[in-house]
Amino acid sequence: MTSPLNLDTILTGLAPLDAVEEIARTLEGRSPTEVIAAAQTIVGRDRLCLVSSFGTESAVLLAFAAEVDPSIPVVFLDTGWLFEETLAYRDTLTAQLGLTDVRSFHPDAERLATQDAGNDLWYSDPDACCRIRKVEPLARALDGFDGWLNGRKRYQASTRAGIPVAERDGERLKFNPLASLERAEVEAAHKRFALPPHPLEAKGFPSVGCLPCTSRVAAGEDARAGRWRGRAKTECGIHTLISAR
């Protein structure tokens, strides 16, 4: 049985950003709901949001968050290249979980007109495409928040194997409530919450991003092998580029 979670001794006399390593150690091994509730305490209930792609592995974090507080703002980046199935899944989960504050953010129209007028930037420069369609909109979306939740897990890929439960992201804190869960635990939570699968999961897409840069995954491949297939790129940038105020 885990001991009661007490953050007072960590935060006494310290700003949350200065105590991030101790926060991460304290939250390691805690349940997702404990991490989410602690994040609200640390940064303030009205200063925390959740960022979700509403992809194939998004539902469990959203369900845990809804258990804690269904009014937590949920940031959704609508890149303009998403599968129709993802948009439908967003609406399904929002209704089922009773999420009351899902906010959709889009790329800046002027940036698209000058940088991707032909809608082919994803092919010539995928990093620039992600920057315009995801990283920059996220920076706008996070304005006014001091912390954000995301659904990364260590088992997803070798590039995510060492992620902490809490980390510094520029002048914000980033929380990874599912980081230490095993795949079987996530699957069990999916069943416990009676969550519907993403419509594309049964069609061979265990990880879904934008349509041009997502492909089916063969048996035995890493779940994210279908993202930017054939390229060295493994992340869209929102987890590798530090967000700014």
C-alpha atoms as a PDB file:
ATOM      1  CA  MET A   1       0.000   0.000   0.000  1.00  0.00           C
ATOM      2  CA  THR A   2       1.429   3.375  -1.003  1.00  0.00           C
ATOM      3  CA  SER A   3       1.835   6.098   1.588  1.00  0.00           C
ATOM      4  CA  PRO A   4      -0.269   9.284   1.456  1.00  0.00           C
ATOM      5  CA  LEU A   5       1.018  11.801  -1.051  1.00  0.00           C
ATOM      6  CA  ASN A   6       2.370  14.906   0.663  1.00  0.00           C
ATOM      7  CA  LEU A   7       3.741  17.649  -1.556  1.00  0.00           C
ATOM      8  CA  ASP A   8       4.030  20.316   1.125  1.00  0.00           C
ATOM      9  CA  THR A   9       7.575  19.426   2.150  1.00  0.00           C
ATOM     10  CA  ILE A  10       8.727  19.526  -1.471  1.00  0.00           C
ATOM     11  CA  LEU A  11       7.189  22.866  -2.346  1.00  0.00           C
ATOM     12  CA  THR A  12       7.915  24.727   0.882  1.00  0.00           C
ATOM     13  CA  GLY A  13      10.130  27.650  -0.045  1.00  0.00           C
ATOM     14  CA  LEU A  14      10.555  26.450  -3.639  1.00  0.00           C
ATOM     15  CA  ALA A  15       8.858  27.353  -6.888  1.00  0.00           C
ATOM     16  CA  PRO A  16       7.502  24.242  -8.639  1.00  0.00           C
ATOM     17  CA  LEU A  17       9.946  24.632 -11.533  1.00  0.00           C
ATOM     18  CA  ASP A  18      12.880  24.564  -9.103  1.00  0.00           C
ATOM     19  CA  ALA A  19      11.554  21.409  -7.438  1.00  0.00           C
ATOM     20  CA  VAL A  20      10.812  19.445 -10.618  1.00  0.00           C
ATOM     21  CA  GLU A  21      13.304  16.635  -9.956  1.00  0.00           C
ATOM     22  CA  GLU A  22      11.967  16.093  -6.450  1.00  0.00           C
ATOM     23  CA  ILE A  23       8.408  16.255  -7.767  1.00  0.00           C
ATOM     24  CA  ALA A  24       9.254  13.583 -10.339  1.00  0.00           C
ATOM     25  CA  ARG A  25      10.786  11.329  -7.669  1.00  0.00           C
ATOM     26  CA  THR A  26       7.789  11.788  -5.385  1.00  0.00           C
ATOM     27  CA  LEU A  27       5.269  11.027  -8.124  1.00  0.00           C
ATOM     28  CA  GLU A  28       7.153   8.024  -9.530  1.00  0.00           C
ATOM     29  CA  GLY A  29       5.042   4.894  -9.104  1.00  0.00           C
ATOM     30  CA  ARG A  30       1.910   6.818  -8.168  1.00  0.00           C
ATOM     31  CA  SER A  31      -1.374   6.105  -9.928  1.00  0.00           C
ATOM     32  CA  PRO A  32      -2.385   8.303 -12.863  1.00  0.00           C
ATOM     33  CA  THR A  33      -5.185   9.891 -10.838  1.00  0.00           C
ATOM     34  CA  GLU A  34      -2.747  10.727  -8.047  1.00  0.00           C
ATOM     35  CA  VAL A  35      -0.369  12.339 -10.538  1.00  0.00           C
ATOM     36  CA  ILE A  36      -3.162  14.354 -12.164  1.00  0.00           C
ATOM     37  CA  ALA A  37      -4.524  15.537  -8.817  1.00  0.00           C
ATOM     38  CA  ALA A  38      -1.003  16.404  -7.663  1.00  0.00           C
ATOM     39  CA  ALA A  39      -0.401  18.375 -10.860  1.00  0.00           C
ATOM     40  CA  GLN A  40      -3.496  20.462 -10.100  1.00  0.00           C
ATOM     41  CA  THR A  41      -2.177  21.116  -6.604  1.00  0.00           C
ATOM     42  CA  ILE A  42       1.309  22.002  -7.811  1.00  0.00           C
ATOM     43  CA  VAL A  43       0.455  24.464 -10.597  1.00  0.00           C
ATOM     44  CA  GLY A  44      -3.096  25.403  -9.624  1.00  0.00           C
ATOM     45  CA  ARG A  45      -6.382  23.937 -10.785  1.00  0.00           C
ATOM     46  CA  ASP A  46      -6.985  26.729 -13.301  1.00  0.00           C
ATOM     47  CA  ARG A  47      -3.397  26.656 -14.594  1.00  0.00           C
ATOM     48  CA  LEU A  48      -3.298  23.033 -15.769  1.00  0.00           C
ATOM     49  CA  CYS A  49      -4.434  21.587 -19.099  1.00  0.00           C
ATOM     50  CA  LEU A  50      -4.264  18.248 -20.873  1.00  0.00           C
ATOM     51  CA  VAL A  51      -2.963  17.951 -24.431  1.00  0.00           C
ATOM     52  CA  SER A  52      -4.463  15.088 -26.419  1.00  0.00           C
ATOM     53  CA  SER A  53      -4.248  13.941 -30.024  1.00  0.00           C
ATOM     54  CA  PHE A  54      -7.324  11.719 -29.555  1.00  0.00           C
ATOM     55  CA  GLY A  55      -5.236   9.013 -31.190  1.00  0.00           C
ATOM     56  CA  THR A  56      -5.244   5.273 -30.624  1.00  0.00           C
ATOM     57  CA  GLU A  57      -3.698   5.507 -27.148  1.00  0.00           C
ATOM     58  CA  SER A  58      -5.318   8.712 -25.951  1.00  0.00           C
ATOM     59  CA  ALA A  59      -8.482   7.446 -24.299  1.00  0.00           C
ATOM     60  CA  VAL A  60      -7.006   6.108 -21.045  1.00  0.00           C
ATOM     61  CA  LEU A  61      -5.385   9.389 -19.981  1.00  0.00           C
ATOM     62  CA  LEU A  62      -8.581  11.248 -20.809  1.00  0.00           C
ATOM     63  CA  ALA A  63     -10.578   8.779 -18.714  1.00  0.00           C
ATOM     64  CA  PHE A  64      -8.274   9.131 -15.718  1.00  0.00           C
ATOM     65  CA  ALA A  65      -8.414  12.918 -16.039  1.00  0.00           C
ATOM     66  CA  ALA A  66     -12.214  12.846 -16.203  1.00  0.00           C
ATOM     67  CA  GLU A  67     -12.224  10.833 -12.974  1.00  0.00           C
ATOM     68  CA  VAL A  68     -10.249  13.586 -11.268  1.00  0.00           C
ATOM     69  CA  ASP A  69     -11.914  16.589 -12.889  1.00  0.00           C
ATOM     70  CA  PRO A  70     -13.877  16.497 -16.180  1.00  0.00           C
ATOM     71  CA  SER A  71     -13.495  20.272 -16.473  1.00  0.00           C
ATOM     72  CA  ILE A  72      -9.719  20.122 -17.008  1.00  0.00           C
ATOM     73  CA  PRO A  73      -9.161  21.995 -20.297  1.00  0.00           C
ATOM     74  CA  VAL A  74      -8.259  19.554 -23.082  1.00  0.00           C
ATOM     75  CA  VAL A  75      -6.151  20.984 -25.899  1.00  0.00           C
ATOM     76  CA  PHE A  76      -6.634  19.343 -29.301  1.00  0.00           C
ATOM     77  CA  LEU A  77      -4.412  20.310 -32.229  1.00  0.00           C
ATOM     78  CA  ASP A  78      -6.435  20.076 -35.427  1.00  0.00           C
ATOM     79  CA  THR A  79      -3.625  20.170 -37.979  1.00  0.00           C
ATOM     80  CA  GLY A  80      -5.803  20.117 -41.083  1.00  0.00           C
ATOM     81  CA  TRP A  81      -4.308  16.743 -42.008  1.00  0.00           C
ATOM     82  CA  LEU A  82      -6.062  14.540 -39.451  1.00  0.00           C
ATOM     83  CA  PHE A  83      -8.019  11.426 -40.351  1.00  0.00           C
ATOM     84  CA  GLU A  84     -11.796  11.889 -40.280  1.00  0.00           C
ATOM     85  CA  GLU A  85     -11.841   8.914 -37.902  1.00  0.00           C
ATOM     86  CA  THR A  86      -9.760  10.880 -35.393  1.00  0.00           C
ATOM     87  CA  LEU A  87     -12.179  13.801 -35.442  1.00  0.00           C
ATOM     88  CA  ALA A  88     -15.081  11.410 -34.898  1.00  0.00           C
ATOM     89  CA  TYR A  89     -13.197   9.687 -32.060  1.00  0.00           C
ATOM     90  CA  ARG A  90     -12.664  13.070 -30.383  1.00  0.00           C
ATOM     91  CA  ASP A  91     -16.391  13.689 -30.380  1.00  0.00           C
ATOM     92  CA  THR A  92     -17.179  10.168 -29.140  1.00  0.00           C
ATOM     93  CA  LEU A  93     -14.768  10.313 -26.196  1.00  0.00           C
ATOM     94  CA  THR A  94     -15.760  13.857 -25.279  1.00  0.00           C
ATOM     95  CA  ALA A  95     -19.379  12.795 -24.942  1.00  0.00           C
ATOM     96  CA  GLN A  96     -18.713   9.459 -23.223  1.00  0.00           C
ATOM     97  CA  LEU A  97     -16.322  10.861 -20.623  1.00  0.00           C
ATOM     98  CA  GLY A  98     -18.293  14.036 -20.002  1.00  0.00           C
ATOM     99  CA  LEU A  99     -15.368  16.310 -20.845  1.00  0.00           C
ATOM    100  CA  THR A 100     -16.615  19.874 -20.583  1.00  0.00           C
ATOM    101  CA  ASP A 101     -13.766  21.964 -21.988  1.00  0.00           C
ATOM    102  CA  VAL A 102     -12.229  20.509 -25.163  1.00  0.00           C
ATOM    103  CA  ARG A 103     -10.489  23.253 -27.141  1.00  0.00           C
ATOM    104  CA  SER A 104      -9.448  22.823 -30.784  1.00  0.00           C
ATOM    105  CA  PHE A 105      -6.506  24.830 -32.091  1.00  0.00           C
ATOM    106  CA  HIS A 106      -5.629  25.217 -35.772  1.00  0.00           C
ATOM    107  CA  PRO A 107      -2.521  26.311 -37.679  1.00  0.00           C
ATOM    108  CA  ASP A 108      -2.221  30.021 -38.401  1.00  0.00           C
ATOM    109  CA  ALA A 109      -3.793  30.651 -41.825  1.00  0.00           C
ATOM    110  CA  GLU A 110      -1.169  33.194 -42.863  1.00  0.00           C
ATOM    111  CA  ARG A 111       1.670  30.816 -41.953  1.00  0.00           C
ATOM    112  CA  LEU A 112       0.062  28.078 -44.047  1.00  0.00           C
ATOM    113  CA  ALA A 113      -0.427  30.443 -46.975  1.00  0.00           C
ATOM    114  CA  THR A 114       3.220  31.512 -47.016  1.00  0.00           C
ATOM    115  CA  GLN A 115       4.933  28.276 -45.935  1.00  0.00           C
ATOM    116  CA  ASP A 116       2.663  25.494 -47.241  1.00  0.00           C
ATOM    117  CA  ALA A 117       0.515  26.921 -50.012  1.00  0.00           C
ATOM    118  CA  GLY A 118       0.729  23.657 -51.956  1.00  0.00           C
ATOM    119  CA  ASN A 119      -0.070  21.418 -48.961  1.00  0.00           C
ATOM    120  CA  ASP A 120       3.057  19.394 -49.691  1.00  0.00           C
ATOM    121  CA  LEU A 121       5.395  20.619 -46.962  1.00  0.00           C
ATOM    122  CA  TRP A 122       4.875  17.294 -45.155  1.00  0.00           C
ATOM    123  CA  TYR A 123       6.841  15.648 -47.978  1.00  0.00           C
ATOM    124  CA  SER A 124       9.664  18.137 -48.522  1.00  0.00           C
ATOM    125  CA  ASP A 125      10.220  19.199 -44.917  1.00  0.00           C
ATOM    126  CA  PRO A 126       8.169  17.238 -42.341  1.00  0.00           C
ATOM    127  CA  ASP A 127       9.830  19.023 -39.423  1.00  0.00           C
ATOM    128  CA  ALA A 128       8.705  22.391 -40.757  1.00  0.00           C
ATOM    129  CA  CYS A 129       5.233  20.998 -41.400  1.00  0.00           C
ATOM    130  CA  CYS A 130       4.948  19.780 -37.813  1.00  0.00           C
ATOM    131  CA  ARG A 131       6.270  23.088 -36.536  1.00  0.00           C
ATOM    132  CA  ILE A 132       3.582  25.076 -38.361  1.00  0.00           C
ATOM    133  CA  ARG A 133       0.724  22.661 -37.762  1.00  0.00           C
ATOM    134  CA  LYS A 134       1.511  21.405 -34.240  1.00  0.00           C
ATOM    135  CA  VAL A 135       4.334  23.126 -32.376  1.00  0.00           C
ATOM    136  CA  GLU A 136       3.275  26.723 -33.051  1.00  0.00           C
ATOM    137  CA  PRO A 137      -0.443  26.088 -32.358  1.00  0.00           C
ATOM    138  CA  LEU A 138       0.488  24.312 -29.121  1.00  0.00           C
ATOM    139  CA  ALA A 139       2.543  27.305 -28.004  1.00  0.00           C
ATOM    140  CA  ARG A 140      -0.558  29.457 -28.464  1.00  0.00           C
ATOM    141  CA  ALA A 141      -2.766  26.901 -26.757  1.00  0.00           C
ATOM    142  CA  LEU A 142      -0.527  26.729 -23.674  1.00  0.00           C
ATOM    143  CA  ASP A 143      -0.571  30.469 -23.119  1.00  0.00           C
ATOM    144  CA  GLY A 144      -2.036  31.026 -19.679  1.00  0.00           C
ATOM    145  CA  PHE A 145      -1.145  27.588 -18.339  1.00  0.00           C
ATOM    146  CA  ASP A 146       1.731  26.694 -15.999  1.00  0.00           C
ATOM    147  CA  GLY A 147       1.557  22.951 -16.542  1.00  0.00           C
ATOM    148  CA  TRP A 148       0.228  20.359 -18.966  1.00  0.00           C
ATOM    149  CA  LEU A 149      -0.573  16.668 -18.986  1.00  0.00           C
ATOM    150  CA  ASN A 150       0.210  14.277 -21.831  1.00  0.00           C
ATOM    151  CA  GLY A 151      -0.140  10.555 -22.429  1.00  0.00           C
ATOM    152  CA  ARG A 152       3.364   9.344 -23.284  1.00  0.00           C
ATOM    153  CA  LYS A 153       4.405   5.954 -21.918  1.00  0.00           C
ATOM    154  CA  ARG A 154       7.874   4.480 -21.584  1.00  0.00           C
ATOM    155  CA  TYR A 155       6.966   1.257 -23.354  1.00  0.00           C
ATOM    156  CA  GLN A 156       5.872   3.016 -26.546  1.00  0.00           C
ATOM    157  CA  ALA A 157       9.332   3.407 -28.049  1.00  0.00           C
ATOM    158  CA  SER A 158      13.011   3.372 -27.133  1.00  0.00           C
ATOM    159  CA  THR A 159      13.031   7.162 -27.491  1.00  0.00           C
ATOM    160  CA  ARG A 160      10.491   7.377 -24.650  1.00  0.00           C
ATOM    161  CA  ALA A 161      11.966   4.754 -22.334  1.00  0.00           C
ATOM    162  CA  GLY A 162      13.437   7.266 -19.893  1.00  0.00           C
ATOM    163  CA  ILE A 163      10.708   9.872 -19.600  1.00  0.00           C
ATOM    164  CA  PRO A 164      10.055  11.021 -15.998  1.00  0.00           C
ATOM    165  CA  VAL A 165       6.615  11.482 -14.468  1.00  0.00           C
ATOM    166  CA  ALA A 166       7.251  15.231 -14.275  1.00  0.00           C
ATOM    167  CA  GLU A 167       9.711  17.365 -16.202  1.00  0.00           C
ATOM    168  CA  ARG A 168      10.477  20.957 -17.012  1.00  0.00           C
ATOM    169  CA  ASP A 169       9.210  22.357 -20.309  1.00  0.00           C
ATOM    170  CA  GLY A 170      10.578  25.859 -20.599  1.00  0.00           C
ATOM    171  CA  GLU A 171       8.714  27.932 -18.023  1.00  0.00           C
ATOM    172  CA  ARG A 172       6.108  25.219 -17.525  1.00  0.00           C
ATOM    173  CA  LEU A 173       5.888  21.792 -15.951  1.00  0.00           C
ATOM    174  CA  LYS A 174       4.965  18.813 -18.099  1.00  0.00           C
ATOM    175  CA  PHE A 175       3.396  15.787 -16.431  1.00  0.00           C
ATOM    176  CA  ASN A 176       3.400  12.252 -17.827  1.00  0.00           C
ATOM    177  CA  PRO A 177       0.841  10.414 -15.622  1.00  0.00           C
ATOM    178  CA  LEU A 178       1.028   7.164 -17.610  1.00  0.00           C
ATOM    179  CA  ALA A 179       4.809   7.076 -17.993  1.00  0.00           C
ATOM    180  CA  SER A 180       5.467   4.105 -15.722  1.00  0.00           C
ATOM    181  CA  LEU A 181       2.466   1.974 -16.703  1.00  0.00           C
ATOM    182  CA  GLU A 182       2.998  -1.276 -18.556  1.00  0.00           C
ATOM    183  CA  ARG A 183       1.034  -1.966 -21.722  1.00  0.00           C
ATOM    184  CA  ALA A 184      -1.083  -4.559 -19.883  1.00  0.00           C
ATOM    185  CA  GLU A 185      -2.042  -1.940 -17.275  1.00  0.00           C
ATOM    186  CA  VAL A 186      -3.126   0.511 -19.954  1.00  0.00           C
ATOM    187  CA  GLU A 187      -5.144  -2.208 -21.678  1.00  0.00           C
ATOM    188  CA  ALA A 188      -6.764  -3.159 -18.367  1.00  0.00           C
ATOM    189  CA  ALA A 189      -7.705   0.474 -17.735  1.00  0.00           C
ATOM    190  CA  HIS A 190      -9.138   0.683 -21.246  1.00  0.00           C
ATOM    191  CA  LYS A 191     -11.439  -2.239 -20.421  1.00  0.00           C
ATOM    192  CA  ARG A 192     -12.321  -0.959 -16.947  1.00  0.00           C
ATOM    193  CA  PHE A 193     -13.466   2.359 -18.359  1.00  0.00           C
ATOM    194  CA  ALA A 194     -15.258   0.571 -21.247  1.00  0.00           C
ATOM    195  CA  LEU A 195     -13.522   2.847 -23.734  1.00  0.00           C
ATOM    196  CA  PRO A 196     -14.122   2.429 -27.460  1.00  0.00           C
ATOM    197  CA  PRO A 197     -11.076   1.808 -29.636  1.00  0.00           C
ATOM    198  CA  HIS A 198      -9.948   4.333 -32.216  1.00  0.00           C
ATOM    199  CA  PRO A 199     -11.674   3.366 -35.496  1.00  0.00           C
ATOM    200  CA  LEU A 200      -8.317   2.927 -37.274  1.00  0.00           C
ATOM    201  CA  GLU A 201      -6.757   0.608 -34.698  1.00  0.00           C
ATOM    202  CA  ALA A 202      -8.401  -2.513 -36.132  1.00  0.00           C
ATOM    203  CA  LYS A 203      -7.126  -1.532 -39.572  1.00  0.00           C
ATOM    204  CA  GLY A 204      -3.463  -1.810 -38.609  1.00  0.00           C
ATOM    205  CA  PHE A 205      -2.789   1.651 -37.185  1.00  0.00           C
ATOM    206  CA  PRO A 206      -1.645   1.277 -33.556  1.00  0.00           C
ATOM    207  CA  SER A 207      -0.423   4.888 -33.597  1.00  0.00           C
ATOM    208  CA  VAL A 208      -2.202   7.580 -35.574  1.00  0.00           C
ATOM    209  CA  GLY A 209      -1.003  11.047 -36.468  1.00  0.00           C
ATOM    210  CA  CYS A 210      -1.567  13.084 -39.622  1.00  0.00           C
ATOM    211  CA  LEU A 211      -2.776  11.263 -42.717  1.00  0.00           C
ATOM    212  CA  PRO A 212       0.256  11.820 -45.019  1.00  0.00           C
ATOM    213  CA  CYS A 213       2.774  10.688 -42.378  1.00  0.00           C
ATOM    214  CA  THR A 214       0.968   7.680 -40.884  1.00  0.00           C
ATOM    215  CA  SER A 215       1.096   4.164 -42.306  1.00  0.00           C
ATOM    216  CA  ARG A 216       0.032   0.698 -41.223  1.00  0.00           C
ATOM    217  CA  VAL A 217       2.292  -1.286 -38.920  1.00  0.00           C
ATOM    218  CA  ALA A 218       3.267  -4.898 -39.581  1.00  0.00           C
ATOM    219  CA  ALA A 219       3.214  -7.612 -36.933  1.00  0.00           C
ATOM    220  CA  GLY A 220       6.275  -7.404 -34.694  1.00  0.00           C
ATOM    221  CA  GLU A 221       7.019  -3.767 -35.497  1.00  0.00           C
ATOM    222  CA  ASP A 222       7.189  -1.003 -32.912  1.00  0.00           C
ATOM    223  CA  ALA A 223       3.772   0.598 -32.424  1.00  0.00           C
ATOM    224  CA  ARG A 224       5.132   3.894 -33.755  1.00  0.00           C
ATOM    225  CA  ALA A 225       6.918   2.370 -36.750  1.00  0.00           C
ATOM    226  CA  GLY A 226       4.218   3.717 -39.024  1.00  0.00           C
ATOM    227  CA  ARG A 227       4.872   7.322 -38.068  1.00  0.00           C
ATOM    228  CA  TRP A 228       7.087   9.127 -40.622  1.00  0.00           C
ATOM    229  CA  ARG A 229       8.073   5.757 -42.081  1.00  0.00           C
ATOM    230  CA  GLY A 230      11.386   5.788 -43.914  1.00  0.00           C
ATOM    231  CA  ARG A 231      12.574   8.953 -42.221  1.00  0.00           C
ATOM    232  CA  ALA A 232      14.812   9.563 -39.213  1.00  0.00           C
ATOM    233  CA  LYS A 233      12.005  11.616 -37.658  1.00  0.00           C
ATOM    234  CA  THR A 234      10.328   9.985 -34.628  1.00  0.00           C
ATOM    235  CA  GLU A 235       8.484  12.861 -32.910  1.00  0.00           C
ATOM    236  CA  CYS A 236       6.327  15.718 -34.169  1.00  0.00           C
ATOM    237  CA  GLY A 237       8.224  18.230 -32.050  1.00  0.00           C
ATOM    238  CA  ILE A 238       5.843  19.057 -29.226  1.00  0.00           C
ATOM    239  CA  HIS A 239       7.811  16.751 -26.928  1.00  0.00           C
ATOM    240  CA  THR A 240      11.282  17.565 -28.224  1.00  0.00           C
ATOM    241  CA  LEU A 241      11.073  21.348 -28.570  1.00  0.00           C
ATOM    242  CA  ILE A 242      10.682  23.317 -25.363  1.00  0.00           C
ATOM    243  CA  SER A 243       7.560  25.424 -25.332  1.00  0.00           C
ATOM    244  CA  ALA A 244       7.945  29.132 -24.674  1.00  0.00           C
ATOM    245  CA  ARG A 245       5.787  31.747 -23.028  1.00  0.00           C
END
